[in-house]
Amino acid sequence: MTGWMRWLVAVSCLAGSSAWAQAPQRVVTVNLCLDQAALRLAAPGQLVGLSYLSHDPRLSVLSDRARAIPPVRAKVESILELRPDLVIFDRDAHANLKRLVRRAGVPILEVPWASSLEDAEGSIARIGAALGREAEGRAIIADMQEQRRRLGRPGPPTALAAVLQANRATAGKGSLMDELLHLSGYRNLAAELGVPAYGRLPLEAVLAGRPDVLVLDGNANAKPARATEFVDHNALLALAGSTRLVSIPLKYTVCAGPENVEALKLLRGAQR
């Protein structure tokens, strides 16, 4: 049994106690990935504030739903004016803001950053329990696990993939995309070159590696900028004859969660 599953069992044992008798009615989240989880879990009307990034369709898979809820900035005034009875934070961010919210007498929930599918399941379990929506959380987790079984490619990875993001960034060893690539049957060029989870991959390394698949955000250069000009680089276009270009919108991989299923489908669809 994983750590988060043991935690969920312990929480379930407490569910009937007075401490859990009343679910929060005015919940605020100030982190894009926590927004996505809360939007999937919360009862109608339970969320009263989400991070402003949740309204951005390039980053948020639930932006249409999020726009019905007021956006908040990571400032105490923005949060407290919504009169929350629970604020959900990333565990490792906003230390001063958490202190001020606590000082105002508002309960907070700190959730660790999810950098893997298992981490995401743990976050969903924690948030579901805090919202009094344990059953909804279990259903989402079960569906994620079923989709992973269905879309995962058995056996060791064979084909080679490279990932390029804005400013020549890439997803290296231990990243969420690294996990999605392996599940889909790909080796990760950046990981094999020793690039950490968040690093850079020069175009020269991509050309030398001759990957079978090059993963890009096809929307990255919709508004051309220096950070994304590589998308139309002649060197990458020259790979088109031997390398399959796969467009995976950033919103499917920026957070670990159910939206990663769409990335898995696109990766599996690129296999010959």
Protein backbone atom coordinates (compact mmCIF):
# COMPACT_ATOMS: atom_id res chain seq x y z
CA MET A 1 0.00 0.00 0.00
CA THR A 2 1.45 3.37 -1.01
CA GLY A 3 1.92 6.23 1.46
CA TRP A 4 -0.99 8.27 0.14
CA MET A 5 -3.28 5.23 0.25
CA ARG A 6 -2.42 4.68 3.93
CA TRP A 7 -3.15 8.37 4.52
CA LEU A 8 -6.53 8.04 2.79
CA VAL A 9 -7.45 5.02 4.90
CA ALA A 10 -6.60 6.99 8.04
CA VAL A 11 -8.69 9.93 6.85
CA SER A 12 -11.61 7.62 6.04
CA CYS A 13 -11.52 6.33 9.60
CA LEU A 14 -11.93 9.90 10.83
CA ALA A 15 -14.72 10.76 8.40
CA GLY A 16 -17.46 10.09 10.91
CA SER A 17 -15.91 12.20 13.66
CA SER A 18 -17.00 15.71 14.53
CA ALA A 19 -13.82 17.08 12.96
CA TRP A 20 -15.10 15.99 9.54
CA ALA A 21 -18.81 16.41 10.13
CA GLN A 22 -19.04 19.72 8.30
CA ALA A 23 -17.41 20.10 4.89
CA PRO A 24 -16.12 23.58 3.97
CA GLN A 25 -18.57 25.67 1.97
CA ARG A 26 -16.34 28.47 0.67
CA VAL A 27 -13.11 27.05 -0.71
CA VAL A 28 -10.32 28.98 -2.44
CA THR A 29 -7.32 27.57 -4.33
CA VAL A 30 -4.34 29.64 -5.53
CA ASN A 31 -2.42 27.14 -7.64
CA LEU A 32 -3.28 26.07 -11.19
CA CYS A 33 -2.85 22.34 -10.58
CA LEU A 34 -4.80 22.44 -7.33
CA ASP A 35 -7.51 24.40 -9.18
CA GLN A 36 -7.90 21.53 -11.64
CA ALA A 37 -8.27 18.95 -8.89
CA ALA A 38 -10.71 21.09 -6.89
CA LEU A 39 -12.84 21.80 -9.96
CA ARG A 40 -13.24 18.07 -10.55
CA LEU A 41 -14.00 17.28 -6.92
CA ALA A 42 -16.03 20.14 -5.47
CA ALA A 43 -19.77 20.18 -5.04
CA PRO A 44 -21.70 22.89 -6.92
CA GLY A 45 -21.07 26.25 -5.26
CA GLN A 46 -18.34 24.92 -2.97
CA LEU A 47 -15.53 26.76 -4.78
CA VAL A 48 -15.57 30.55 -4.46
CA GLY A 49 -12.11 31.40 -5.83
CA LEU A 50 -9.49 29.90 -8.15
CA SER A 51 -6.11 31.11 -9.33
CA TYR A 52 -6.31 33.49 -12.27
CA LEU A 53 -4.34 30.96 -14.34
CA SER A 54 -7.30 28.58 -14.23
CA HIS A 55 -9.09 30.91 -16.67
CA ASP A 56 -6.32 30.61 -19.29
CA PRO A 57 -7.36 28.05 -21.96
CA ARG A 58 -3.72 27.44 -22.94
CA LEU A 59 -2.89 26.23 -19.43
CA SER A 60 -6.18 25.02 -17.99
CA VAL A 61 -8.13 22.06 -19.37
CA LEU A 62 -11.12 23.25 -17.34
CA SER A 63 -10.97 26.94 -18.23
CA ASP A 64 -14.59 27.05 -19.40
CA ARG A 65 -15.78 25.76 -16.05
CA ALA A 66 -13.30 27.91 -14.13
CA ARG A 67 -14.59 31.14 -15.66
CA ALA A 68 -17.78 30.80 -13.63
CA ILE A 69 -15.67 31.23 -10.45
CA PRO A 70 -13.88 34.47 -9.47
CA PRO A 71 -10.12 34.52 -10.12
CA VAL A 72 -7.78 35.32 -7.23
CA ARG A 73 -4.20 36.44 -6.97
CA ALA A 74 -1.81 35.11 -4.36
CA LYS A 75 -2.45 38.08 -2.07
CA VAL A 76 -4.12 38.00 1.31
CA GLU A 77 -6.61 40.76 0.45
CA SER A 78 -7.73 38.94 -2.71
CA ILE A 79 -8.29 35.75 -0.74
CA LEU A 80 -9.93 37.12 2.41
CA GLU A 81 -12.47 39.25 0.55
CA LEU A 82 -14.04 35.95 -0.61
CA ARG A 83 -14.66 34.94 3.04
CA PRO A 84 -13.24 31.42 2.63
CA ASP A 85 -13.55 28.69 5.22
CA LEU A 86 -10.69 26.73 3.58
CA VAL A 87 -7.77 27.80 1.39
CA ILE A 88 -5.80 25.13 -0.48
CA PHE A 89 -2.10 25.83 -1.04
CA ASP A 90 0.90 24.17 -2.61
CA ARG A 91 2.88 22.89 0.39
CA ASP A 92 6.16 24.44 -0.75
CA ALA A 93 5.02 27.92 -1.79
CA HIS A 94 3.58 31.14 -0.34
CA ALA A 95 4.93 30.76 3.22
CA ASN A 96 4.20 34.40 4.16
CA LEU A 97 0.76 34.30 2.59
CA LYS A 98 -0.12 31.15 4.52
CA ARG A 99 0.96 32.84 7.75
CA LEU A 100 -1.33 35.80 7.08
CA VAL A 101 -4.29 33.60 6.15
CA ARG A 102 -3.81 31.55 9.31
CA ARG A 103 -3.57 34.73 11.36
CA ALA A 104 -6.96 35.72 9.95
CA GLY A 105 -8.38 32.50 11.39
CA VAL A 106 -8.93 30.72 8.07
CA PRO A 107 -8.05 27.00 7.90
CA ILE A 108 -5.62 25.97 5.18
CA LEU A 109 -4.77 22.69 3.47
CA GLU A 110 -1.21 22.22 2.18
CA VAL A 111 -0.84 19.75 -0.68
CA PRO A 112 2.56 18.55 -1.97
CA TRP A 113 3.46 19.33 -5.58
CA ALA A 114 2.48 16.40 -7.81
CA SER A 115 5.27 15.51 -10.23
CA SER A 116 3.97 12.06 -11.15
CA LEU A 117 0.69 10.28 -11.75
CA GLU A 118 0.88 8.61 -8.34
CA ASP A 119 1.50 12.00 -6.72
CA ALA A 120 -1.56 13.35 -8.53
CA GLU A 121 -3.68 10.53 -7.15
CA GLY A 122 -2.46 11.41 -3.66
CA SER A 123 -3.37 15.07 -4.17
CA ILE A 124 -6.84 14.15 -5.38
CA ALA A 125 -7.35 11.92 -2.34
CA ARG A 126 -6.26 14.68 0.06
CA ILE A 127 -8.38 17.37 -1.54
CA GLY A 128 -11.38 15.08 -1.86
CA ALA A 129 -11.18 14.22 1.84
CA ALA A 130 -10.84 17.89 2.82
CA LEU A 131 -13.89 18.82 0.75
CA GLY A 132 -15.98 15.95 2.07
CA ARG A 133 -15.92 14.41 -1.42
CA GLU A 134 -14.03 11.18 -0.78
CA ALA A 135 -16.24 9.10 -3.10
CA GLU A 136 -15.67 11.50 -5.99
CA GLY A 137 -11.93 11.35 -5.34
CA ARG A 138 -11.90 7.55 -5.37
CA ALA A 139 -13.81 7.52 -8.66
CA ILE A 140 -11.35 9.91 -10.32
CA ILE A 141 -8.37 7.90 -9.08
CA ALA A 142 -9.88 4.63 -10.26
CA ASP A 143 -10.47 6.10 -13.72
CA MET A 144 -6.90 7.42 -13.92
CA GLN A 145 -5.54 3.99 -13.06
CA GLU A 146 -7.78 2.28 -15.60
CA GLN A 147 -6.75 4.71 -18.34
CA ARG A 148 -3.10 4.13 -17.47
CA ARG A 149 -3.57 0.37 -17.78
CA ARG A 150 -5.41 0.77 -21.07
CA LEU A 151 -3.02 3.22 -22.71
CA GLY A 152 0.27 2.01 -21.29
CA ARG A 153 2.50 0.06 -23.67
CA PRO A 154 3.74 -3.24 -22.22
CA GLY A 155 7.41 -4.08 -22.32
CA PRO A 156 10.50 -1.87 -22.20
CA PRO A 157 10.51 1.41 -24.17
CA THR A 158 11.99 1.10 -27.65
CA ALA A 159 11.45 4.24 -29.75
CA LEU A 160 13.33 7.44 -28.88
CA ALA A 161 11.53 10.73 -28.16
CA ALA A 162 12.72 14.28 -27.56
CA VAL A 163 10.70 17.06 -25.96
CA LEU A 164 11.23 20.74 -26.73
CA GLN A 165 9.50 23.59 -24.93
CA ALA A 166 9.84 27.38 -24.87
CA ASN A 167 13.42 28.71 -24.45
CA ARG A 168 14.78 25.28 -25.50
CA ALA A 169 13.55 23.82 -22.22
CA THR A 170 12.88 20.11 -22.02
CA ALA A 171 11.50 17.45 -19.71
CA GLY A 172 14.34 15.33 -18.41
CA LYS A 173 14.79 12.47 -15.99
CA GLY A 174 12.13 12.21 -13.30
CA SER A 175 9.73 14.68 -14.89
CA LEU A 176 6.04 14.05 -15.51
CA MET A 177 6.64 13.96 -19.27
CA ASP A 178 9.45 11.45 -18.74
CA GLU A 179 6.90 9.18 -17.04
CA LEU A 180 4.34 9.68 -19.81
CA LEU A 181 6.93 8.88 -22.47
CA HIS A 182 7.94 5.64 -20.75
CA LEU A 183 4.32 4.62 -20.29
CA SER A 184 3.79 5.17 -24.01
CA GLY A 185 6.80 3.08 -25.02
CA TYR A 186 9.41 5.80 -25.61
CA ARG A 187 12.88 6.42 -24.29
CA ASN A 188 13.52 10.05 -23.37
CA LEU A 189 16.51 11.58 -25.18
CA ALA A 190 16.95 14.30 -22.54
CA ALA A 191 17.01 11.76 -19.71
CA GLU A 192 19.55 9.62 -21.55
CA LEU A 193 21.75 12.70 -21.96
CA GLY A 194 21.63 13.31 -18.21
CA VAL A 195 19.30 16.31 -18.32
CA PRO A 196 17.41 16.71 -15.02
CA ALA A 197 13.63 17.00 -14.74
CA TYR A 198 13.70 20.68 -15.72
CA GLY A 199 16.60 21.50 -18.02
CA ARG A 200 17.53 22.55 -21.54
CA LEU A 201 18.07 20.55 -24.70
CA PRO A 202 20.11 22.22 -27.48
CA LEU A 203 18.85 21.80 -31.02
CA GLU A 204 22.22 20.26 -31.88
CA ALA A 205 21.54 17.45 -29.36
CA VAL A 206 18.16 16.80 -30.95
CA LEU A 207 19.67 16.65 -34.44
CA ALA A 208 22.48 14.35 -33.27
CA GLY A 209 20.07 12.09 -31.37
CA ARG A 210 17.82 11.54 -34.40
CA PRO A 211 14.72 10.82 -32.29
CA ASP A 212 11.84 8.84 -33.71
CA VAL A 213 9.42 11.39 -32.25
CA LEU A 214 9.81 15.08 -31.46
CA VAL A 215 7.23 16.39 -28.99
CA LEU A 216 6.32 20.06 -29.30
CA ASP A 217 3.50 22.28 -28.15
CA GLY A 218 2.00 23.03 -31.53
CA ASN A 219 0.35 26.17 -30.14
CA ALA A 220 3.59 27.57 -28.79
CA ASN A 221 4.29 29.77 -31.80
CA ALA A 222 0.73 30.96 -32.42
CA LYS A 223 2.07 34.34 -31.24
CA PRO A 224 5.71 34.22 -32.38
CA ALA A 225 8.33 35.20 -29.82
CA ARG A 226 12.02 34.54 -29.32
CA ALA A 227 11.21 31.96 -26.66
CA THR A 228 9.27 29.81 -29.13
CA GLU A 229 10.92 30.57 -32.47
CA PHE A 230 12.52 27.10 -32.46
CA VAL A 231 9.16 25.62 -33.47
CA ASP A 232 9.70 26.83 -37.04
CA HIS A 233 13.46 26.35 -37.08
CA ASN A 234 14.74 24.99 -40.41
CA ALA A 235 16.83 22.36 -38.64
CA LEU A 236 13.75 20.89 -36.99
CA LEU A 237 11.77 21.06 -40.20
CA ALA A 238 14.56 19.07 -41.84
CA LEU A 239 13.86 16.21 -39.41
CA ALA A 240 10.35 15.86 -40.75
CA GLY A 241 11.31 13.09 -43.16
CA SER A 242 12.62 10.75 -40.46
CA THR A 243 11.15 12.09 -37.23
CA ARG A 244 7.46 12.28 -36.45
CA LEU A 245 6.40 15.62 -34.99
CA VAL A 246 3.81 15.29 -32.24
CA SER A 247 1.91 18.32 -30.97
CA ILE A 248 0.87 18.04 -27.32
CA PRO A 249 -0.74 21.22 -25.97
CA LEU A 250 0.89 22.40 -22.76
CA LYS A 251 -2.40 22.16 -20.84
CA TYR A 252 -2.22 18.36 -21.04
CA THR A 253 1.16 18.13 -19.29
CA VAL A 254 1.62 21.25 -17.14
CA CYS A 255 -0.07 19.46 -14.22
CA ALA A 256 -0.16 15.82 -13.18
CA GLY A 257 -3.75 14.61 -13.28
CA PRO A 258 -6.56 13.17 -15.39
CA GLU A 259 -5.68 15.52 -18.27
CA ASN A 260 -2.49 13.50 -18.84
CA VAL A 261 -4.66 10.85 -20.49
CA GLU A 262 -4.91 13.14 -23.54
CA ALA A 263 -1.11 13.32 -23.75
CA LEU A 264 -0.88 9.52 -23.53
CA LYS A 265 -3.39 9.16 -26.36
CA LEU A 266 -1.39 11.53 -28.59
CA LEU A 267 1.88 9.74 -27.82
CA ARG A 268 0.42 6.30 -28.49
CA GLY A 269 -1.16 7.59 -31.70
CA ALA A 270 2.27 8.65 -32.97
CA GLN A 271 3.61 5.11 -32.91
CA ARG A 272 3.90 3.28 -36.17
